[in-house]
Protein backbone atom coordinates (compact mmCIF):
# COMPACT_ATOMS: atom_id res chain seq x y z
CA MET A 1 158.04 61.90 74.09
CA ARG A 2 155.91 59.61 76.26
CA ALA A 3 156.39 61.99 79.23
CA ARG A 4 155.26 64.99 77.12
CA ILE A 5 152.12 63.12 76.03
CA CYS A 6 151.36 62.24 79.66
CA ARG A 7 151.74 65.89 80.67
CA LEU A 8 149.34 66.98 77.87
CA ILE A 9 146.78 64.38 78.90
CA SER A 10 147.14 65.45 82.52
CA ARG A 11 146.64 69.13 81.60
CA ARG A 12 143.53 68.27 79.59
CA LYS A 13 142.11 66.31 82.52
CA PHE A 14 142.70 69.24 84.85
CA GLY A 15 141.23 71.57 82.22
CA ILE A 16 138.07 69.49 82.03
CA ILE A 17 137.90 69.40 85.82
CA TYR A 18 138.31 73.20 86.03
CA LEU A 19 135.60 73.64 83.36
CA LEU A 20 133.20 71.39 85.24
CA LEU A 21 133.92 73.24 88.47
CA ALA A 22 133.29 76.58 86.76
CA LEU A 23 129.98 75.34 85.36
CA SER A 24 129.02 74.05 88.79
CA VAL A 25 129.73 77.47 90.33
CA ILE A 26 127.56 79.19 87.70
CA ILE A 27 124.71 76.76 88.30
CA LEU A 28 124.98 77.20 92.07
CA LEU A 29 125.02 80.97 91.61
CA LEU A 30 121.85 80.85 89.57
CA TYR A 31 120.16 78.68 92.16
CA SER A 32 121.40 80.87 95.01
CA VAL A 33 119.34 83.71 93.63
CA LYS A 34 115.73 83.68 92.54
CA VAL A 35 115.62 82.58 88.90
CA THR A 36 112.53 83.85 87.13
CA TYR A 37 111.36 83.07 83.63
CA LEU A 38 109.69 85.89 81.82
CA ARG A 39 107.41 85.11 78.96
CA THR A 40 107.85 87.61 76.14
CA CYS A 41 104.99 89.29 74.37
CA GLN A 42 106.02 87.49 71.20
CA ILE A 43 105.84 83.76 71.82
CA LYS A 44 108.96 82.87 69.85
CA LYS A 45 111.22 85.05 71.99
CA VAL A 46 112.24 83.82 75.44
CA SER A 47 114.38 85.72 77.91
CA ILE A 48 115.98 84.46 81.13
CA VAL A 49 116.79 86.81 83.99
CA ALA A 50 118.27 86.50 87.46
CA VAL A 51 116.63 88.54 90.22
CA TYR A 52 119.09 89.49 92.95
CA ASN A 53 118.33 90.32 96.55
CA ASN A 54 118.80 94.05 96.04
CA GLY A 55 115.92 94.09 93.57
CA ILE A 56 117.98 94.67 90.43
CA VAL A 57 117.12 92.51 87.45
CA ILE A 58 120.05 91.73 85.12
CA MET A 59 119.41 90.23 81.69
CA LEU A 60 121.37 87.04 81.04
CA ILE A 61 119.99 85.91 77.67
CA THR A 62 117.86 87.76 75.15
CA HIS A 63 117.02 86.22 71.81
CA SER A 64 117.52 88.42 68.79
CA GLY A 65 114.57 90.38 67.42
CA THR A 66 113.13 93.84 67.24
CA ASN A 67 110.76 93.36 70.18
CA THR A 68 112.54 92.61 73.45
CA THR A 69 109.65 93.60 75.68
CA PHE A 70 108.63 91.04 78.27
CA CYS A 71 105.52 90.58 80.33
CA SER A 72 105.77 88.52 83.48
CA PHE A 73 103.06 85.89 84.04
CA HIS A 74 105.18 83.47 86.02
CA SER A 75 103.59 83.36 89.48
CA LEU A 76 100.63 81.04 88.80
CA SER A 77 100.74 77.55 90.22
CA PRO A 78 100.13 74.67 87.78
CA LYS A 79 96.54 74.40 89.04
CA GLU A 80 95.95 78.13 88.61
CA ALA A 81 97.62 78.12 85.19
CA HIS A 82 95.20 75.38 84.12
CA MET A 83 92.32 77.46 85.47
CA ALA A 84 93.58 80.49 83.53
CA ASP A 85 93.60 78.45 80.33
CA LEU A 86 90.02 77.32 80.98
CA LEU A 87 88.95 80.90 81.65
CA LYS A 88 90.55 82.12 78.42
CA ASP A 89 88.78 79.36 76.51
CA SER A 90 85.46 80.29 78.10
CA ILE A 91 85.68 83.92 76.97
CA ALA A 92 87.17 83.18 73.55
CA TRP A 93 85.72 85.60 71.01
CA PRO A 94 84.47 84.30 67.66
CA LYS A 95 87.41 84.28 65.28
CA THR A 96 87.69 87.51 63.31
CA LEU A 97 89.32 87.95 59.92
CA SER A 98 92.90 89.18 59.77
CA LEU A 99 93.43 92.61 58.23
CA SER A 100 95.06 92.13 54.85
CA SER A 101 97.12 94.86 53.21
CA TYR A 102 94.50 95.35 50.50
CA LEU A 103 91.51 95.56 52.87
CA SER A 104 89.37 98.67 52.40
CA LEU A 105 87.18 100.36 55.01
CA ASN A 106 84.30 99.75 52.60
CA ASP A 107 84.70 96.01 53.22
CA THR A 108 84.15 96.36 56.98
CA SER A 109 80.97 96.34 59.07
CA ASP A 110 78.83 99.45 58.60
CA PRO A 111 76.06 100.18 61.13
CA ALA A 112 74.34 102.53 58.64
CA HIS A 113 73.71 99.65 56.20
CA SER A 114 73.03 97.06 58.92
CA THR A 115 69.53 96.42 60.25
CA PHE A 116 67.65 94.63 62.99
CA THR A 117 64.20 93.05 62.75
CA ILE A 118 61.84 92.08 65.56
CA LEU A 119 60.75 88.51 64.91
CA PRO A 120 57.09 87.60 65.41
CA PRO A 121 56.20 85.77 68.63
CA ASN A 122 56.17 81.99 68.65
CA GLY A 123 52.72 80.74 67.74
CA GLY A 124 51.69 84.08 66.31
CA GLY A 125 49.31 86.48 67.98
CA GLY A 126 50.33 89.41 70.13
CA TRP A 127 53.09 90.00 72.65
CA TYR A 128 52.61 89.33 76.34
CA VAL A 129 54.51 90.87 79.19
CA GLY A 130 56.88 88.16 80.42
CA ASP A 131 57.57 86.79 76.92
CA GLN A 132 61.01 86.42 75.41
CA LEU A 133 61.50 88.87 72.57
CA GLU A 134 63.92 87.89 69.78
CA VAL A 135 65.52 90.37 67.40
CA LEU A 136 67.43 89.35 64.26
CA ILE A 137 70.44 91.55 63.47
CA GLU A 138 72.05 91.48 60.02
CA ILE A 139 75.40 93.18 59.44
CA TYR A 140 76.38 94.69 56.09
CA ASP A 141 79.54 96.42 54.90
CA PHE A 142 79.83 99.96 53.51
CA HIS A 143 79.00 98.64 50.00
CA GLY A 144 75.73 97.28 51.35
CA ARG A 145 76.86 93.67 51.00
CA PRO A 146 75.96 91.17 53.76
CA LYS A 147 78.86 90.11 55.97
CA LYS A 148 79.67 86.40 55.94
CA SER A 149 81.50 86.14 59.26
CA GLY A 150 80.85 87.08 62.89
CA GLY A 151 82.86 88.73 65.62
CA ASP A 152 81.17 92.16 65.70
CA PHE A 153 80.61 93.59 69.18
CA LEU A 154 76.97 94.54 69.74
CA LEU A 155 74.95 95.77 72.72
CA ALA A 156 71.17 95.64 72.94
CA ARG A 157 68.48 96.93 75.26
CA LEU A 158 64.73 97.42 75.51
CA HIS A 159 63.61 100.68 77.07
CA ASN A 160 60.51 102.72 77.79
CA PRO A 161 61.24 106.42 78.41
CA TYR A 162 57.73 107.12 79.70
CA ILE A 163 57.97 104.83 82.71
CA TYR A 164 61.78 105.11 83.09
CA ALA A 165 62.18 101.40 82.38
CA GLY A 166 64.96 99.45 80.70
CA VAL A 167 66.41 95.96 80.39
CA ALA A 168 69.59 94.66 78.73
CA GLY A 169 69.44 92.12 75.91
CA GLN A 170 71.58 89.03 75.41
CA VAL A 171 73.39 89.01 72.03
CA LEU A 172 74.14 85.69 70.31
CA ASP A 173 76.64 85.52 67.44
CA HIS A 174 75.67 83.07 64.68
CA ARG A 175 79.13 83.59 63.12
CA ASN A 176 77.76 84.17 59.63
CA GLY A 177 77.13 87.91 59.74
CA SER A 178 73.81 87.58 61.58
CA TYR A 179 73.06 87.85 65.30
CA SER A 180 70.14 87.43 67.67
CA ALA A 181 69.32 89.70 70.57
CA ILE A 182 67.10 88.16 73.25
CA PHE A 183 65.10 90.31 75.67
CA SER A 184 62.84 89.63 78.58
CA LEU A 185 59.65 91.60 78.08
CA PRO A 186 58.69 93.00 81.51
CA TRP A 187 56.73 95.84 79.88
CA GLU A 188 56.21 97.34 76.46
CA GLY A 189 59.15 99.26 75.09
CA LEU A 190 61.47 100.23 72.26
CA ALA A 191 64.25 97.89 71.12
CA GLN A 192 67.70 99.35 70.46
CA VAL A 193 70.86 97.72 69.04
CA ILE A 194 74.31 99.38 69.02
CA LEU A 195 77.38 98.37 67.05
CA VAL A 196 80.20 99.04 69.51
CA HIS A 197 83.02 97.71 67.28
CA PRO A 198 83.11 96.03 63.89
CA SER A 199 84.75 92.61 63.83
CA GLU A 200 87.75 94.17 62.08
CA GLY A 201 88.16 96.50 65.07
CA ILE A 202 88.21 93.51 67.41
CA THR A 203 91.09 92.12 65.35
CA VAL A 204 93.02 95.33 66.02
CA LEU A 205 92.23 95.31 69.75
CA GLU A 206 93.43 91.72 70.08
CA LYS A 207 96.62 92.55 68.22
CA LEU A 208 97.28 95.57 70.44
CA THR A 209 97.15 93.41 73.55
CA GLN A 210 99.58 90.91 72.08
CA GLU A 211 102.05 93.34 70.51
CA GLN A 212 101.73 96.56 72.55
CA PRO A 213 100.85 95.63 76.15
CA GLY A 214 102.97 98.52 77.42
CA ARG A 215 101.16 101.24 75.44
CA ILE A 216 100.05 102.76 78.75
CA PHE A 217 103.19 103.38 80.77
CA PHE A 218 103.90 104.67 84.26
CA ARG A 219 106.55 106.72 86.02
CA SER A 220 108.21 106.66 89.40
CA ILE A 221 110.37 109.27 91.09
CA PHE A 222 113.51 108.07 92.86
CA ARG A 223 115.12 110.38 95.41
CA TRP A 224 118.13 110.10 97.67
CA GLY A 225 119.05 113.35 99.32
CA SER A 226 119.36 115.98 96.60
CA LEU A 227 119.61 113.44 93.78
CA ILE A 228 116.28 112.93 91.98
CA LYS A 229 115.59 110.69 88.98
CA THR A 230 112.41 109.67 87.13
CA THR A 231 112.11 106.37 85.26
CA ILE A 232 109.48 104.34 83.43
CA CYS A 233 107.64 101.52 85.22
CA ASN A 234 105.30 98.79 84.04
CA ILE A 235 104.49 95.11 84.02
CA CYS A 236 105.91 94.97 80.49
CA LEU A 237 109.30 96.63 79.94
CA ASN A 238 112.31 96.42 77.63
CA ALA A 239 114.18 93.36 78.81
CA THR A 240 117.63 94.57 77.74
CA GLN A 241 117.86 97.28 80.42
CA ARG A 242 118.58 96.96 84.14
CA LEU A 243 115.35 96.78 86.08
CA CYS A 244 114.23 97.21 89.65
CA ASN A 245 111.96 94.36 90.68
CA TYR A 246 109.02 95.31 92.91
CA THR A 247 107.19 91.99 92.67
CA ASP A 248 105.01 91.59 95.77
CA LEU A 249 106.42 88.90 98.04
CA ASN A 250 103.02 87.71 99.30
CA THR A 251 101.06 87.57 96.05
CA GLY A 252 103.71 87.33 93.35
CA GLU A 253 102.15 90.34 91.59
CA PRO A 254 104.91 91.70 89.31
CA TRP A 255 105.94 95.31 88.90
CA PHE A 256 109.18 96.68 87.43
CA CYS A 257 110.90 100.04 86.91
CA TYR A 258 113.99 100.89 84.92
CA LYS A 259 116.78 101.33 87.43
CA PRO A 260 117.98 104.94 87.62
CA ASN A 261 121.70 105.58 87.37
CA LYS A 262 123.46 106.23 90.67
CA LEU A 263 120.35 105.44 92.72
CA SER A 264 119.25 102.33 94.55
CA CYS A 265 115.96 100.58 93.83
CA ASP A 266 115.03 101.40 97.44
CA ALA A 267 114.97 105.13 96.58
CA ARG A 268 111.59 104.91 94.76
CA ILE A 269 109.05 107.24 96.40
CA THR A 270 106.13 107.85 93.99
CA HIS A 271 103.99 106.19 91.33
CA SER A 272 101.98 107.92 88.60
CA LYS A 273 100.57 107.39 85.14
CA GLY A 274 103.20 108.30 82.56
CA GLY A 275 101.46 108.44 79.21
CA PHE A 276 100.15 106.58 76.20
CA ILE A 277 101.89 105.44 73.03
CA GLN A 278 99.59 105.16 70.02
CA ASN A 279 100.87 102.99 67.19
CA LEU A 280 98.16 102.28 64.62
CA GLN A 281 98.10 101.93 60.86
CA PRO A 282 95.87 104.44 58.98
CA LEU A 283 93.20 101.83 58.21
CA GLU A 284 93.24 100.57 61.78
CA GLU A 285 92.52 104.05 63.11
CA LYS A 286 89.54 104.40 60.73
CA LEU A 287 87.92 101.40 62.39
CA PHE A 288 87.29 103.52 65.51
CA GLU A 289 85.54 106.68 64.30
CA ASN A 290 82.78 108.33 66.29
CA GLY A 291 79.55 108.54 64.33
CA VAL A 292 80.83 106.03 61.74
CA ASN A 293 81.58 102.66 63.31
CA LEU A 294 82.24 103.35 67.00
CA LYS A 295 79.22 102.79 69.26
CA VAL A 296 76.66 103.66 66.57
CA PRO A 297 72.96 102.61 66.72
CA ILE A 298 71.66 100.21 64.08
CA THR A 299 68.34 101.07 62.42
CA ALA A 300 65.31 98.79 62.66
CA SER A 301 64.04 97.43 59.34
CA GLY A 302 60.46 97.68 60.63
CA PRO A 303 58.68 98.65 63.84
CA ALA A 304 61.00 98.79 66.86
CA HIS A 305 58.27 99.28 69.47
CA ILE A 306 56.79 96.31 71.30
CA GLN A 307 53.40 96.50 73.02
CA GLY A 308 52.72 93.98 75.79
CA THR A 309 49.14 93.33 76.79
CA THR A 310 49.00 90.89 79.72
CA PHE A 311 51.35 88.86 81.91
CA SER A 312 52.54 85.35 81.10
CA SER A 313 55.19 82.95 82.40
CA PRO A 314 58.75 83.62 81.13
CA SER A 315 60.20 81.08 78.71
CA PRO A 316 63.11 79.14 80.25
CA GLN A 317 65.15 78.72 77.07
CA TRP A 318 67.26 81.88 77.48
CA ASP A 319 69.29 83.16 80.39
CA ARG A 320 67.37 85.71 82.37
CA PRO A 321 68.82 89.20 82.75
CA ALA A 322 70.19 90.29 86.12
CA GLY A 323 67.31 92.72 86.49
CA TYR A 324 65.56 95.72 84.97
CA TYR A 325 64.60 99.31 85.71
CA TYR A 326 61.04 100.34 86.42
CA GLN A 327 60.16 103.90 87.44
CA GLY A 328 63.90 104.53 87.53
CA ALA A 329 64.49 101.90 90.25
CA TRP A 330 66.47 98.69 89.72
CA GLN A 331 64.53 95.46 90.22
CA SER A 332 66.74 92.40 90.65
CA LEU A 333 65.79 89.02 89.17
CA ASP A 334 68.22 86.93 91.25
CA GLY A 335 65.85 86.73 94.21
CA THR A 336 67.18 89.82 95.96
CA GLN A 337 64.52 92.32 96.96
CA VAL A 338 66.05 95.71 96.20
CA HIS A 339 64.80 98.41 98.54
CA GLN A 340 64.93 102.13 97.86
CA PHE A 341 66.96 103.89 100.53
CA ASN A 342 65.66 107.39 99.86
CA THR A 343 66.15 109.02 103.24
CA ILE A 344 69.13 109.78 105.45
CA THR A 345 67.42 107.91 108.28
CA SER A 346 67.02 104.72 106.24
CA ILE A 347 70.68 104.70 105.22
CA ASN A 348 71.86 105.48 108.75
CA GLN A 349 69.71 102.71 110.22
CA CYS A 350 71.09 100.22 107.69
CA LEU A 351 74.74 101.16 108.24
CA LYS A 352 74.51 101.64 112.00
CA ASN A 353 77.37 99.82 113.78
CA LYS A 354 78.83 98.82 110.42
CA VAL A 355 82.34 99.06 109.00
CA VAL A 356 82.37 99.40 105.19
CA HIS A 357 85.72 98.94 103.42
CA LEU A 358 85.76 99.95 99.74
CA TYR A 359 88.66 98.68 97.60
CA GLY A 360 89.31 99.27 93.93
CA ASP A 361 89.37 101.93 91.25
CA SER A 362 87.63 105.26 90.70
CA THR A 363 84.26 103.58 90.04
CA ILE A 364 84.37 102.34 93.64
CA ARG A 365 85.61 105.72 94.82
CA GLN A 366 82.26 107.02 93.49
CA TRP A 367 80.52 104.95 96.15
CA PHE A 368 82.57 106.54 98.92
CA GLU A 369 81.78 109.99 97.50
CA HIS A 370 78.07 109.14 97.23
CA LEU A 371 77.83 107.97 100.84
CA ASN A 372 79.88 110.92 102.06
CA LYS A 373 77.54 113.32 100.27
CA SER A 374 74.32 111.52 101.24
CA LEU A 375 75.03 111.31 104.98
CA PRO A 376 75.70 114.71 106.60
CA ASP A 377 76.81 113.09 109.87
CA LEU A 378 79.42 110.98 108.08
CA LYS A 379 82.51 113.16 108.52
CA GLU A 380 85.60 112.58 106.44
CA PHE A 381 88.92 112.80 108.23
CA ASP A 382 91.46 114.74 106.19
CA LEU A 383 94.37 112.40 105.53
CA GLN A 384 95.96 114.94 103.16
CA SER A 385 95.41 112.39 100.38
CA SER A 386 94.95 113.17 96.71
CA ARG A 387 91.24 113.39 95.83
CA GLN A 388 91.92 110.95 93.02
CA THR A 389 93.98 108.31 94.77
CA GLY A 390 92.96 108.37 98.43
CA PRO A 391 93.05 106.68 100.87
CA PHE A 392 89.91 108.09 102.51
CA ILE A 393 88.22 107.48 105.83
CA ALA A 394 84.89 108.82 107.12
CA LEU A 395 83.21 108.32 110.50
CA ASP A 396 79.74 108.88 111.92
CA TYR A 397 80.45 108.72 115.65
CA ALA A 398 76.82 108.86 116.78
CA ASN A 399 75.73 105.90 114.62
CA ASN A 400 79.08 104.10 114.85
CA ILE A 401 79.54 103.99 111.06
CA LEU A 402 83.00 103.75 109.51
CA VAL A 403 83.57 103.96 105.75
CA THR A 404 86.99 103.69 104.09
CA PHE A 405 88.31 103.70 100.53
CA ARG A 406 91.67 102.50 99.23
CA CYS A 407 92.71 102.17 95.60
CA HIS A 408 94.10 98.88 94.35
CA GLY A 409 97.78 98.31 93.63
CA PRO A 410 99.51 98.83 90.28
CA PRO A 411 98.70 99.06 87.47
CA ILE A 412 96.69 102.12 88.53
CA ARG A 413 96.36 105.13 86.20
CA PHE A 414 95.99 107.76 88.88
CA GLY A 415 97.99 110.87 89.62
CA THR A 416 101.08 110.92 91.79
CA THR A 417 100.78 108.46 94.67
CA PRO A 418 103.34 107.65 97.38
CA VAL A 419 104.55 104.08 96.89
CA SER A 420 103.75 103.45 100.55
CA GLN A 421 100.06 103.78 99.62
CA LEU A 422 100.20 101.23 96.79
CA ARG A 423 98.46 98.27 98.41
CA TYR A 424 97.22 95.06 96.85
CA ILE A 425 93.62 94.24 97.76
CA SER A 426 94.44 90.66 98.73
CA ASN A 427 97.05 91.88 101.23
CA GLU A 428 94.57 94.39 102.67
CA LEU A 429 91.90 91.71 103.07
CA ASP A 430 94.32 89.59 105.08
CA ARG A 431 94.49 92.47 107.60
CA VAL A 432 90.69 92.71 108.00
CA VAL A 433 89.26 91.15 111.16
CA GLY A 434 85.81 90.77 109.60
CA GLY A 435 82.57 89.71 111.23
CA ASN A 436 78.82 90.30 111.11
CA ASN A 437 79.22 94.08 111.06
CA THR A 438 81.92 94.21 108.37
CA VAL A 439 81.15 94.90 104.70
CA ILE A 440 83.79 94.55 101.99
CA VAL A 441 83.19 96.06 98.54
CA ILE A 442 85.60 95.33 95.68
CA GLY A 443 85.68 96.84 92.19
CA ILE A 444 88.76 96.24 90.04
CA TRP A 445 88.76 96.05 86.24
CA SER A 446 89.37 99.18 84.13
CA HIS A 447 93.10 99.63 84.79
CA PHE A 448 93.99 96.18 83.45
CA SER A 449 92.54 96.53 79.96
CA THR A 450 95.82 97.14 78.11
CA PHE A 451 97.48 94.02 79.50
CA PRO A 452 97.17 90.35 78.54
CA ILE A 453 94.26 88.69 80.33
CA GLU A 454 96.66 86.55 82.41
CA VAL A 455 97.58 89.66 84.42
CA TYR A 456 93.96 90.24 85.42
CA ILE A 457 93.29 86.55 86.05
CA ARG A 458 96.23 86.35 88.45
CA ARG A 459 95.05 89.47 90.32
CA LEU A 460 91.52 88.11 90.73
CA LEU A 461 92.76 84.67 91.81
CA ASN A 462 94.84 86.34 94.53
CA ILE A 463 91.82 88.37 95.66
CA ARG A 464 89.62 85.28 95.56
CA LYS A 465 92.02 83.36 97.82
CA ALA A 466 92.09 86.29 100.26
CA VAL A 467 88.26 86.47 100.26
CA VAL A 468 88.04 82.73 100.98
CA ARG A 469 90.52 83.11 103.86
CA LEU A 470 88.50 86.02 105.24
CA LEU A 471 85.19 84.13 105.04
CA LYS A 472 86.72 81.10 106.76
CA ARG A 473 87.97 83.07 109.75
CA ALA A 474 84.98 85.45 109.85
CA PRO A 475 81.98 83.79 108.11
CA GLY A 476 79.64 86.66 108.91
CA THR A 477 81.57 89.12 106.71
CA LEU A 478 79.59 90.42 103.73
CA VAL A 479 81.67 90.62 100.53
CA ILE A 480 80.24 92.49 97.52
CA ILE A 481 81.83 92.57 94.06
CA ARG A 482 81.09 95.37 91.61
CA THR A 483 81.36 94.30 87.98
CA ALA A 484 82.66 96.32 85.02
CA ASN A 485 80.47 98.74 83.08
CA PRO A 486 80.40 100.10 79.51
CA LYS A 487 81.49 103.68 78.90
CA SER A 488 81.59 106.42 76.29
CA LEU A 489 84.34 105.77 73.76
CA THR A 490 86.82 107.95 71.93
CA LEU A 491 89.77 106.62 69.95
CA TYR A 492 91.96 106.92 73.06
CA GLU A 493 89.38 105.24 75.30
CA THR A 494 88.97 102.46 72.76
CA LEU A 495 92.67 101.67 72.55
CA THR A 496 93.13 101.74 76.31
CA ASN A 497 89.78 100.86 77.86
CA SER A 498 87.38 99.59 75.22
CA ASP A 499 84.05 98.09 76.25
CA TRP A 500 85.25 94.94 74.50
CA TYR A 501 88.16 94.65 76.94
CA SER A 502 85.77 95.37 79.81
CA LEU A 503 83.39 92.64 78.63
CA GLN A 504 86.18 90.05 78.63
CA TYR A 505 87.24 91.06 82.13
CA ASP A 506 83.65 91.13 83.32
CA ARG A 507 83.17 87.51 82.22
CA VAL A 508 86.41 86.43 83.90
CA LEU A 509 85.44 88.14 87.16
CA ARG A 510 82.04 86.41 87.26
CA ALA A 511 83.57 83.01 86.54
CA ILE A 512 86.28 83.32 89.20
CA PHE A 513 83.85 84.32 91.98
CA LYS A 514 80.99 82.06 90.83
CA ARG A 515 81.37 79.53 93.65
CA VAL A 516 82.47 81.95 96.36
CA LYS A 517 80.01 83.31 98.91
CA VAL A 518 79.96 86.87 97.55
CA LYS A 519 77.24 89.18 96.26
CA LEU A 520 77.39 90.87 92.85
CA VAL A 521 76.34 94.36 91.87
CA ASP A 522 75.80 93.97 88.12
CA ALA A 523 77.10 97.33 86.96
CA TRP A 524 77.29 96.00 83.39
CA GLU A 525 73.56 95.45 82.96
CA MET A 526 72.61 98.33 85.23
CA THR A 527 74.47 100.69 82.87
CA ILE A 528 73.25 99.15 79.60
CA ALA A 529 69.62 99.08 80.73
CA HIS A 530 69.55 102.71 81.92
CA HIS A 531 68.45 105.53 79.63
CA LEU A 532 71.43 107.73 80.56
CA PRO A 533 74.50 107.61 78.27
CA HIS A 534 77.34 105.24 79.08
CA SER A 535 80.19 106.65 81.12
CA LEU A 536 83.29 105.24 82.81
CA HIS A 537 81.90 106.83 85.96
CA PRO A 538 78.15 106.15 85.73
CA GLU A 539 75.75 109.05 86.28
CA PRO A 540 74.46 109.68 89.85
CA PRO A 541 71.05 107.95 89.35
CA ILE A 542 72.84 104.74 88.31
CA VAL A 543 75.28 104.98 91.23
CA LYS A 544 72.34 105.55 93.58
CA ASN A 545 70.74 102.32 92.34
CA MET A 546 74.03 100.48 92.87
CA ILE A 547 74.20 101.78 96.43
CA ASP A 548 70.58 100.65 96.97
CA VAL A 549 71.57 97.14 95.86
CA MET A 550 74.53 97.20 98.27
CA LEU A 551 72.34 98.42 101.15
CA SER A 552 69.72 95.77 100.30
CA TYR A 553 72.41 93.11 100.73
CA ILE A 554 73.39 94.62 104.08
CA CYS A 555 69.79 95.11 105.24
CA PRO A 556 67.51 92.62 103.47
CA SER A 557 64.60 93.48 105.79
CA PRO A 558 64.85 97.19 106.69
CA THR A 559 62.35 98.98 108.90
CA PRO A 560 59.42 100.10 106.65
CA GLU A 561 58.94 103.46 108.32
CA ASN A 562 62.46 104.47 107.41
CA PHE A 563 61.69 104.60 103.66
């Protein structure tokens, strides 16, 4: 009996030892591969995956729930994660009311019932050019009742169509249903206020980002010999399926595709926009109706025209605008003297012996197209690239001018692009030699609007680090950043690329590059202040003014006879 008990105890000891050994092997296996934690789009759900060397992601644990989509935000260092939190706090929108099941459209903000009033100047008397003009905006619902909370998205400008002048206003939310719009008064003009989105619409846009970050999806073609497969790709994918991991090794920028059956992850050859999934409740869709509550002007309760008589010193209590238009030309207020490059000779003289690298989205591609069209001696070399995606290269041999364009890496909503041409801007900047004759222009914003802000913050932080590295090794390099701009909005554009998303990203971009030696082209104010309608791709006169700002940075003191 005693011998039997000893044998049982011995077996249990060996069993425990075997169990501990097995657990040790599992732990070593997990540490022998790259273990990545993926934060889910719903905070209460956490998934753990192991990423193997062949690029296949296999789900180990997925908590129960209807939403198993994950979005990867894991590559920020603790310092950068803290910075991201500070950035999110700095752009936090005034809290909007949740949409209850019994909410009616009639209870939401109505631009037709809302009004704005030009407040009399301090101290009475008349207006003077150079004053600060204040406008009081009061929001009412469709019943004509005053709103008691803030969070509406408003744009304001002062314009004069007779002298082709315009300036953007600064909107302040008092969080009680009233707002102030502050304008510099460089000339007499007509005040205009636009309700872009009611506060209830902002609630929907915030919810979409949290719950449906993958509503824009992408496709990739995989091919090996005669076998061809197409799968869905994104930053946010269903975590229960096998994934190919295309996270960039240098930057940590994540990108995933569903792994096709019978094909390796290495067989991926193309990238393209796949489509859009719209998932709104009936009331939510009514919050974005053209002519009703989507980018609709608000009526003035009294006179909207301001007449300035003489010049005076600007009041320092409000932030000054970036600039204003006069006679159709942009005048900067940051100390930069903006010259008008109206002749081929003036542009050629400015760009002579220069290399201009343009990186970003289609709003930067416009700049390449503008220069290519404006300079007849700038000849584009046919790289057999798609006219949408690029890359492009143009050369003026006589003046030694080189201009290139390359789109940024995914997410990019362009047509079919070879994966070999998907380049991250930060990686490209690390390949630039730089110097006194090198100009870098970066514009990246609109393709990130459906994703959580962390995705955009990480991308900009990577670009910022690459810009700093470039400026350290080649201090004479000129780096120019183009900001976001407002656009015309449909329901689709609102859900995927709303001006509200663009405004958040615009603020983040400015904050991240605030202390870096770069120049800004303020496309946001340049579009708001102009009399032409908003467009994702601004009209040619606005683009021309942006190019003039760029050229003024390159050539602050051009030869007068060339104008």
